[in-house]
Every structure is written in structure tokens, then in C-alpha cells.
Amino acid sequence: MNQSMPYEPGSTQCLGLIAAKDSILSAMNSLSRIDNVDHIKKQLKDIYSELDKLHDARKVIEKEV
């Protein structure tokens, strides 16, 4: 998992997914300083993975256009 999102031009859907993934990374980073939130960090990591899959699928769709 990347720690910062590089600039990647694309559709508004891709840009939205990039922004969402960046927000998840920010939340995970903030939680790294808090005890007893491992279950929350796991959920955020799972959400990040789902967003990443959606982003990858969207990139494939856009390449076909």
C-alpha cells in the first residue's frame, strides 16, 4: 500500500477514488498514534483495498475508451 498518492490524471471517478484512498491513508496515519485501535486500522486497510480494486477496474475501463 502506498503511503502517498501520486498525481494521476483521469476521470472524475478516478480522481474521487484517489481522494478517498488518500483520506483513508491519512486516517490510518492518525490512528497510528492511538492505542487499542488495531481493529479499526484493519477495517480501514480493507476499505483501502476495495477502493484500490475499484480504481484499478476504472483505469482499465478508461483505457478501453
C-alpha atoms as a PDB file:
ATOM      1  CA  MET A   1       0.000   0.000   0.000  1.00  0.00           C
ATOM      2  CA  ASN A   2       1.427   3.370  -0.988  1.00  0.00           C
ATOM      3  CA  GLN A   3       1.872   5.958   1.736  1.00  0.00           C
ATOM      4  CA  SER A   4       1.075   8.877  -0.538  1.00  0.00           C
ATOM      5  CA  MET A   5      -0.907   9.014  -3.698  1.00  0.00           C
ATOM      6  CA  PRO A   6       0.931  10.225  -6.789  1.00  0.00           C
ATOM      7  CA  TYR A   7      -0.808  12.619  -9.167  1.00  0.00           C
ATOM      8  CA  GLU A   8      -2.744  10.603 -11.713  1.00  0.00           C
ATOM      9  CA  PRO A   9      -4.992  12.417 -14.177  1.00  0.00           C
ATOM     10  CA  GLY A  10      -8.214  10.715 -15.108  1.00  0.00           C
ATOM     11  CA  SER A  11     -11.950  10.865 -14.933  1.00  0.00           C
ATOM     12  CA  THR A  12     -13.809  12.435 -12.057  1.00  0.00           C
ATOM     13  CA  GLN A  13     -14.488   8.881 -10.853  1.00  0.00           C
ATOM     14  CA  CYS A  14     -10.757   8.090 -10.740  1.00  0.00           C
ATOM     15  CA  LEU A  15      -9.999  11.386  -9.075  1.00  0.00           C
ATOM     16  CA  GLY A  16     -12.699  10.669  -6.478  1.00  0.00           C
ATOM     17  CA  LEU A  17     -11.230   7.242  -5.795  1.00  0.00           C
ATOM     18  CA  ILE A  18      -7.744   8.734  -5.454  1.00  0.00           C
ATOM     19  CA  ALA A  19      -9.057  11.315  -2.987  1.00  0.00           C
ATOM     20  CA  ALA A  20     -10.888   8.627  -0.992  1.00  0.00           C
ATOM     21  CA  LYS A  21      -7.774   6.438  -0.842  1.00  0.00           C
ATOM     22  CA  ASP A  22      -5.687   9.399   0.272  1.00  0.00           C
ATOM     23  CA  SER A  23      -8.205  10.145   3.039  1.00  0.00           C
ATOM     24  CA  ILE A  24      -8.039   6.542   4.235  1.00  0.00           C
ATOM     25  CA  LEU A  25      -4.236   6.761   4.359  1.00  0.00           C
ATOM     26  CA  SER A  26      -4.489   9.960   6.367  1.00  0.00           C
ATOM     27  CA  ALA A  27      -6.890   8.346   8.836  1.00  0.00           C
ATOM     28  CA  MET A  28      -4.626   5.312   9.199  1.00  0.00           C
ATOM     29  CA  ASN A  29      -1.661   7.575   9.822  1.00  0.00           C
ATOM     30  CA  SER A  30      -3.560   9.499  12.501  1.00  0.00           C
ATOM     31  CA  LEU A  31      -4.614   6.277  14.213  1.00  0.00           C
ATOM     32  CA  SER A  32      -1.023   5.040  14.374  1.00  0.00           C
ATOM     33  CA  ARG A  33      -0.584   7.252  17.450  1.00  0.00           C
ATOM     34  CA  ILE A  34      -3.597   5.827  19.292  1.00  0.00           C
ATOM     35  CA  ASP A  35      -3.669   2.622  21.347  1.00  0.00           C
ATOM     36  CA  ASN A  36      -6.209  -0.179  21.006  1.00  0.00           C
ATOM     37  CA  VAL A  37      -7.470   0.696  17.513  1.00  0.00           C
ATOM     38  CA  ASP A  38      -6.000  -2.241  15.608  1.00  0.00           C
ATOM     39  CA  HIS A  39      -9.481  -3.439  14.613  1.00  0.00           C
ATOM     40  CA  ILE A  40     -10.273  -0.004  13.140  1.00  0.00           C
ATOM     41  CA  LYS A  41      -6.962   0.116  11.262  1.00  0.00           C
ATOM     42  CA  LYS A  42      -7.739  -3.344   9.820  1.00  0.00           C
ATOM     43  CA  GLN A  43     -11.155  -2.152   8.626  1.00  0.00           C
ATOM     44  CA  LEU A  44      -9.593   0.927   7.038  1.00  0.00           C
ATOM     45  CA  LYS A  45      -6.973  -1.233   5.318  1.00  0.00           C
ATOM     46  CA  ASP A  46      -9.751  -3.458   3.950  1.00  0.00           C
ATOM     47  CA  ILE A  47     -11.665  -0.402   2.713  1.00  0.00           C
ATOM     48  CA  TYR A  48      -8.495   0.942   1.094  1.00  0.00           C
ATOM     49  CA  SER A  49      -8.020  -2.395  -0.703  1.00  0.00           C
ATOM     50  CA  GLU A  50     -11.588  -2.285  -2.013  1.00  0.00           C
ATOM     51  CA  LEU A  51     -11.141   1.277  -3.249  1.00  0.00           C
ATOM     52  CA  ASP A  52      -7.882   0.271  -4.905  1.00  0.00           C
ATOM     53  CA  LYS A  53      -9.631  -2.578  -6.746  1.00  0.00           C
ATOM     54  CA  LEU A  54     -12.342  -0.180  -7.913  1.00  0.00           C
ATOM     55  CA  HIS A  55      -9.676   2.261  -9.071  1.00  0.00           C
ATOM     56  CA  ASP A  56      -7.797  -0.449 -10.984  1.00  0.00           C
ATOM     57  CA  ALA A  57     -11.026  -1.557 -12.667  1.00  0.00           C
ATOM     58  CA  ARG A  58     -11.892   2.037 -13.556  1.00  0.00           C
ATOM     59  CA  LYS A  59      -8.439   2.562 -15.123  1.00  0.00           C
ATOM     60  CA  VAL A  60      -8.995  -0.496 -17.337  1.00  0.00           C
ATOM     61  CA  ILE A  61     -12.382   0.841 -18.457  1.00  0.00           C
ATOM     62  CA  GLU A  62     -10.886   4.230 -19.280  1.00  0.00           C
ATOM     63  CA  LYS A  63      -8.045   2.689 -21.311  1.00  0.00           C
ATOM     64  CA  GLU A  64     -10.638   0.947 -23.469  1.00  0.00           C
ATOM     65  CA  VAL A  65     -12.355   4.218 -24.344  1.00  0.00           C
END
